[in-house]
Amino acid sequence: MVVSLYLSFTDYDLFNEPQWVGLDNYAKLFGDDPRYLQSVGVTLKYVAWSVPLKLVLALAVALLLNSLRGKGQAFFRSAFYAPSLLGASVGLALAWRAIFDTWVDLPDTSLVTIVLLSAWQFGAPMVIFLAGLQQIPRDLFDAAAVDGAGWWRKLASITLPMLSPVLFFNLVLETIHAFQAFTQAFVVSGGRGGPADSTLFYTLYLYERGFTEFRMGYASAMAWVLLVAIALITAVLFRTSRYWVFYGDER
């Protein structure tokens, strides 16, 4: 990390000695590189769409599985978790590209295919949600039922508040993972972020600059901007969590 920070202030092509250029790489990022700004916009769209969709699906399936009992729960939990075992595999991305071949070739829908691929792999947050649901005391729901509360009322007044620490945990992890997405975009777009840069993810453009054009100093600067951005967003999430995350020992 220390070396990459140093390289971000240099002009380095992997073959010759780094040449100190100061803040030139950072100045070019924000002032003289429209494709960089395009990659930022694509990545922000992906994060804004994929993270909420993935968490909603994970929570919905976790609620469904939590209502099951016996061996059925174990089977369906494994079945829904299976896609996440594949992770960001190249084979899965190739299969996804074949399934959505028409969408991939259109700038207006190409990013949607990658969002759907990410949302489909909701197994990890689902398992965490399910563990959180099983820790909620049943007597809270029994007391609410005595008072005449329906399913939606229990969800809003008991389940979501009691599950808020787990929701916050999943939100932070999935947000960080979304900013680091690479393999899906690389395979689906053929490694170029196409069509018309509609899938030019930040990490994909970083890879292109560093390992295709051998501008490693520039790529290092991009990496550090990404690190700072993720740190700031994570700090904002922690800052706002005090208003909606509730822990059992709080009054």
Protein backbone atom coordinates (compact mmCIF):
# COMPACT_ATOMS: atom_id res chain seq x y z
CA MET A 1 0.00 0.00 0.00
CA VAL A 2 2.83 2.37 0.79
CA VAL A 3 4.47 1.63 -2.55
CA SER A 4 1.21 2.16 -4.45
CA LEU A 5 0.73 5.50 -2.68
CA TYR A 6 4.20 6.55 -3.81
CA LEU A 7 3.55 5.33 -7.35
CA SER A 8 0.35 7.40 -7.52
CA PHE A 9 2.57 10.49 -7.58
CA THR A 10 4.75 9.15 -10.38
CA ASP A 11 4.72 8.31 -14.07
CA TYR A 12 5.44 4.57 -14.04
CA ASP A 13 5.04 2.06 -16.88
CA LEU A 14 6.28 -1.13 -15.11
CA PHE A 15 9.45 -1.24 -17.23
CA ASN A 16 11.29 2.00 -16.41
CA GLU A 17 12.07 3.79 -13.18
CA PRO A 18 9.14 5.81 -11.76
CA GLN A 19 9.34 9.53 -12.55
CA TRP A 20 7.96 11.89 -9.90
CA VAL A 21 5.08 14.01 -11.27
CA GLY A 22 3.47 15.19 -8.05
CA LEU A 23 -0.30 15.67 -8.26
CA ASP A 24 -0.47 15.40 -12.06
CA ASN A 25 -2.18 12.01 -12.01
CA TYR A 26 -4.88 13.24 -9.66
CA ALA A 27 -5.36 16.42 -11.67
CA LYS A 28 -5.82 14.42 -14.87
CA LEU A 29 -8.37 12.16 -13.19
CA PHE A 30 -10.83 14.93 -12.48
CA GLY A 31 -9.94 17.45 -15.14
CA ASP A 32 -8.73 15.71 -18.28
CA ASP A 33 -10.21 12.21 -18.48
CA PRO A 34 -13.88 11.93 -19.51
CA ARG A 35 -13.73 8.11 -19.43
CA TYR A 36 -12.73 8.28 -15.77
CA LEU A 37 -15.80 10.35 -14.96
CA GLN A 38 -17.86 7.89 -17.01
CA SER A 39 -16.51 5.00 -14.93
CA VAL A 40 -17.42 6.84 -11.74
CA GLY A 41 -20.96 7.39 -12.98
CA VAL A 42 -21.41 3.76 -14.08
CA THR A 43 -20.10 2.47 -10.75
CA LEU A 44 -22.36 4.76 -8.71
CA LYS A 45 -25.37 3.60 -10.73
CA TYR A 46 -24.41 -0.01 -10.19
CA VAL A 47 -24.03 0.48 -6.43
CA ALA A 48 -27.30 2.42 -6.16
CA TRP A 49 -29.25 -0.27 -8.03
CA SER A 50 -27.58 -3.53 -7.04
CA VAL A 51 -27.15 -3.07 -3.28
CA PRO A 52 -30.80 -2.25 -2.40
CA LEU A 53 -32.13 -4.90 -4.80
CA LYS A 54 -29.79 -7.55 -3.42
CA LEU A 55 -30.64 -6.74 0.20
CA VAL A 56 -34.39 -6.68 -0.45
CA LEU A 57 -34.24 -10.09 -2.13
CA ALA A 58 -32.03 -11.47 0.64
CA LEU A 59 -34.38 -10.22 3.35
CA ALA A 60 -37.50 -11.45 1.56
CA VAL A 61 -36.11 -14.97 1.13
CA ALA A 62 -34.79 -14.97 4.71
CA LEU A 63 -38.27 -14.11 5.99
CA LEU A 64 -39.71 -16.90 3.89
CA LEU A 65 -37.15 -19.45 5.11
CA ASN A 66 -37.61 -18.34 8.70
CA SER A 67 -41.27 -19.30 8.45
CA LEU A 68 -40.28 -22.87 7.52
CA ARG A 69 -39.42 -25.54 10.03
CA GLY A 70 -37.60 -28.86 9.93
CA LYS A 71 -35.57 -30.27 7.06
CA GLY A 72 -37.28 -28.08 4.51
CA GLN A 73 -35.52 -25.00 5.82
CA ALA A 74 -32.07 -26.57 5.48
CA PHE A 75 -32.76 -27.68 1.89
CA PHE A 76 -34.09 -24.35 0.66
CA ARG A 77 -31.41 -22.41 2.54
CA SER A 78 -28.75 -24.43 0.69
CA ALA A 79 -30.57 -24.05 -2.63
CA PHE A 80 -30.82 -20.27 -2.37
CA TYR A 81 -27.24 -19.97 -1.14
CA ALA A 82 -25.83 -22.07 -4.00
CA PRO A 83 -25.47 -19.20 -6.54
CA SER A 84 -23.31 -17.28 -4.07
CA LEU A 85 -20.86 -20.19 -3.91
CA LEU A 86 -19.99 -19.45 -7.52
CA GLY A 87 -19.12 -15.90 -6.51
CA ALA A 88 -17.62 -13.78 -9.28
CA SER A 89 -16.62 -16.77 -11.39
CA VAL A 90 -15.78 -16.35 -15.06
CA GLY A 91 -17.93 -19.34 -16.02
CA LEU A 92 -21.01 -17.85 -14.39
CA ALA A 93 -20.44 -14.50 -16.09
CA LEU A 94 -20.06 -16.23 -19.47
CA ALA A 95 -23.31 -18.11 -18.92
CA TRP A 96 -25.02 -14.87 -17.91
CA ARG A 97 -23.75 -13.17 -21.06
CA ALA A 98 -25.16 -16.00 -23.17
CA ILE A 99 -28.54 -15.82 -21.44
CA PHE A 100 -28.86 -12.04 -21.82
CA ASP A 101 -27.05 -11.79 -25.14
CA THR A 102 -29.46 -9.24 -26.63
CA TRP A 103 -29.47 -7.03 -23.55
CA VAL A 104 -25.68 -7.06 -23.26
CA ASP A 105 -25.29 -5.52 -26.71
CA LEU A 106 -27.54 -2.53 -25.95
CA PRO A 107 -26.13 0.47 -24.01
CA ASP A 108 -29.46 1.08 -22.26
CA THR A 109 -29.75 -2.43 -20.82
CA SER A 110 -26.20 -3.78 -20.56
CA LEU A 111 -25.71 -2.47 -17.02
CA VAL A 112 -29.05 -3.98 -15.99
CA THR A 113 -27.76 -7.48 -16.77
CA ILE A 114 -24.83 -7.04 -14.39
CA VAL A 115 -27.12 -5.64 -11.69
CA LEU A 116 -29.35 -8.71 -12.05
CA LEU A 117 -26.33 -10.99 -11.85
CA SER A 118 -25.27 -9.34 -8.60
CA ALA A 119 -28.77 -9.44 -7.13
CA TRP A 120 -29.12 -13.13 -8.03
CA GLN A 121 -26.18 -13.91 -5.76
CA PHE A 122 -27.97 -12.84 -2.57
CA GLY A 123 -27.09 -15.99 -0.63
CA ALA A 124 -24.51 -14.52 1.76
CA PRO A 125 -26.62 -11.63 3.11
CA MET A 126 -29.65 -13.99 3.16
CA VAL A 127 -27.89 -16.38 5.55
CA ILE A 128 -26.88 -13.46 7.78
CA PHE A 129 -30.45 -12.12 7.77
CA LEU A 130 -31.77 -15.58 8.62
CA ALA A 131 -29.41 -15.86 11.58
CA GLY A 132 -30.57 -12.45 12.79
CA LEU A 133 -34.24 -13.38 12.44
CA GLN A 134 -33.75 -16.51 14.51
CA GLN A 135 -32.34 -14.41 17.36
CA ILE A 136 -35.47 -12.26 17.71
CA PRO A 137 -37.41 -13.40 20.83
CA ARG A 138 -40.68 -15.11 19.87
CA ASP A 139 -42.52 -13.59 22.83
CA LEU A 140 -42.37 -10.20 21.12
CA PHE A 141 -44.42 -11.55 18.22
CA ASP A 142 -46.79 -13.35 20.58
CA ALA A 143 -47.41 -10.14 22.52
CA ALA A 144 -48.00 -8.22 19.27
CA ALA A 145 -50.46 -10.89 18.10
CA VAL A 146 -52.41 -10.54 21.35
CA ASP A 147 -52.67 -6.80 20.67
CA GLY A 148 -54.08 -7.56 17.22
CA ALA A 149 -50.98 -6.72 15.14
CA GLY A 150 -50.92 -8.19 11.65
CA TRP A 151 -47.94 -9.41 9.61
CA TRP A 152 -47.02 -6.00 8.22
CA ARG A 153 -47.31 -4.36 11.63
CA LYS A 154 -45.03 -6.98 13.15
CA LEU A 155 -42.56 -6.48 10.32
CA ALA A 156 -42.43 -2.70 10.75
CA SER A 157 -42.54 -2.55 14.54
CA ILE A 158 -40.62 -5.65 15.61
CA THR A 159 -38.72 -7.43 12.83
CA LEU A 160 -37.01 -4.52 11.11
CA PRO A 161 -36.01 -2.62 14.30
CA MET A 162 -34.67 -5.80 15.91
CA LEU A 163 -32.91 -6.71 12.66
CA SER A 164 -31.41 -3.25 12.09
CA PRO A 165 -27.87 -4.15 13.30
CA VAL A 166 -27.79 -7.07 10.86
CA LEU A 167 -29.22 -4.89 8.09
CA PHE A 168 -26.52 -2.30 8.77
CA PHE A 169 -23.81 -4.97 8.68
CA ASN A 170 -25.04 -6.30 5.34
CA LEU A 171 -25.42 -2.78 3.93
CA VAL A 172 -21.81 -1.87 4.70
CA LEU A 173 -20.39 -5.13 3.34
CA GLU A 174 -22.45 -5.15 0.16
CA THR A 175 -21.70 -1.49 -0.54
CA ILE A 176 -17.97 -2.12 -0.30
CA HIS A 177 -18.25 -5.24 -2.47
CA ALA A 178 -20.28 -3.37 -5.08
CA PHE A 179 -17.61 -0.69 -5.46
CA GLN A 180 -15.03 -3.44 -6.00
CA ALA A 181 -17.03 -5.33 -8.66
CA PHE A 182 -14.82 -6.36 -11.58
CA THR A 183 -15.14 -9.89 -12.96
CA GLN A 184 -18.78 -9.62 -14.05
CA ALA A 185 -18.18 -6.38 -15.93
CA PHE A 186 -14.95 -7.65 -17.48
CA VAL A 187 -16.49 -10.84 -18.85
CA VAL A 188 -19.91 -9.49 -19.83
CA SER A 189 -18.43 -6.48 -21.62
CA GLY A 190 -15.57 -8.40 -23.21
CA GLY A 191 -13.04 -6.53 -21.10
CA ARG A 192 -13.76 -3.14 -22.69
CA GLY A 193 -16.69 -1.78 -20.70
CA GLY A 194 -18.91 -1.68 -23.75
CA PRO A 195 -21.13 -1.05 -25.46
CA ALA A 196 -20.40 2.70 -25.49
CA ASP A 197 -18.73 2.47 -22.06
CA SER A 198 -22.10 1.60 -20.48
CA THR A 199 -20.44 -1.07 -18.29
CA LEU A 200 -17.13 0.71 -17.73
CA PHE A 201 -16.81 -0.01 -14.03
CA TYR A 202 -14.24 1.88 -11.99
CA THR A 203 -12.16 -1.23 -11.33
CA LEU A 204 -12.37 -2.23 -14.99
CA TYR A 205 -11.03 1.14 -16.10
CA LEU A 206 -8.32 0.91 -13.43
CA TYR A 207 -7.30 -2.48 -14.82
CA GLU A 208 -7.28 -1.09 -18.34
CA ARG A 209 -5.03 1.81 -17.38
CA GLY A 210 -2.65 -0.23 -15.29
CA PHE A 211 -2.34 -3.58 -17.08
CA THR A 212 -3.33 -2.79 -20.66
CA GLU A 213 -1.83 0.67 -21.15
CA PHE A 214 0.88 0.12 -18.46
CA ARG A 215 0.14 3.46 -16.79
CA MET A 216 0.66 2.05 -13.33
CA GLY A 217 1.16 5.42 -11.68
CA TYR A 218 -2.19 6.58 -13.01
CA ALA A 219 -3.85 3.31 -11.94
CA SER A 220 -2.37 3.68 -8.45
CA ALA A 221 -3.89 7.14 -8.18
CA MET A 222 -7.25 5.68 -9.20
CA ALA A 223 -6.91 2.97 -6.57
CA TRP A 224 -6.27 5.48 -3.82
CA VAL A 225 -9.21 7.65 -4.87
CA LEU A 226 -11.39 4.54 -4.68
CA LEU A 227 -10.03 3.68 -1.23
CA VAL A 228 -10.75 7.18 0.07
CA ALA A 229 -14.22 7.19 -1.49
CA ILE A 230 -15.15 3.84 0.09
CA ALA A 231 -13.79 5.01 3.45
CA LEU A 232 -15.86 8.20 3.30
CA ILE A 233 -19.04 6.37 2.30
CA THR A 234 -18.50 3.82 5.06
CA ALA A 235 -17.97 6.65 7.56
CA VAL A 236 -21.23 8.27 6.44
CA LEU A 237 -23.07 4.97 6.90
CA PHE A 238 -21.67 4.61 10.41
CA ARG A 239 -22.54 8.23 11.16
CA THR A 240 -26.16 7.84 10.06
CA SER A 241 -26.58 4.44 11.73
CA ARG A 242 -27.21 6.10 15.09
CA TYR A 243 -30.58 7.26 13.78
CA TRP A 244 -31.93 3.91 12.56
CA VAL A 245 -29.88 1.08 14.06
CA PHE A 246 -31.10 -0.19 17.41
CA TYR A 247 -29.31 -2.61 19.72
CA GLY A 248 -30.86 -4.82 22.34
CA ASP A 249 -29.14 -3.10 25.28
CA GLU A 250 -30.33 0.37 24.27
CA ARG A 251 -33.27 2.06 25.98
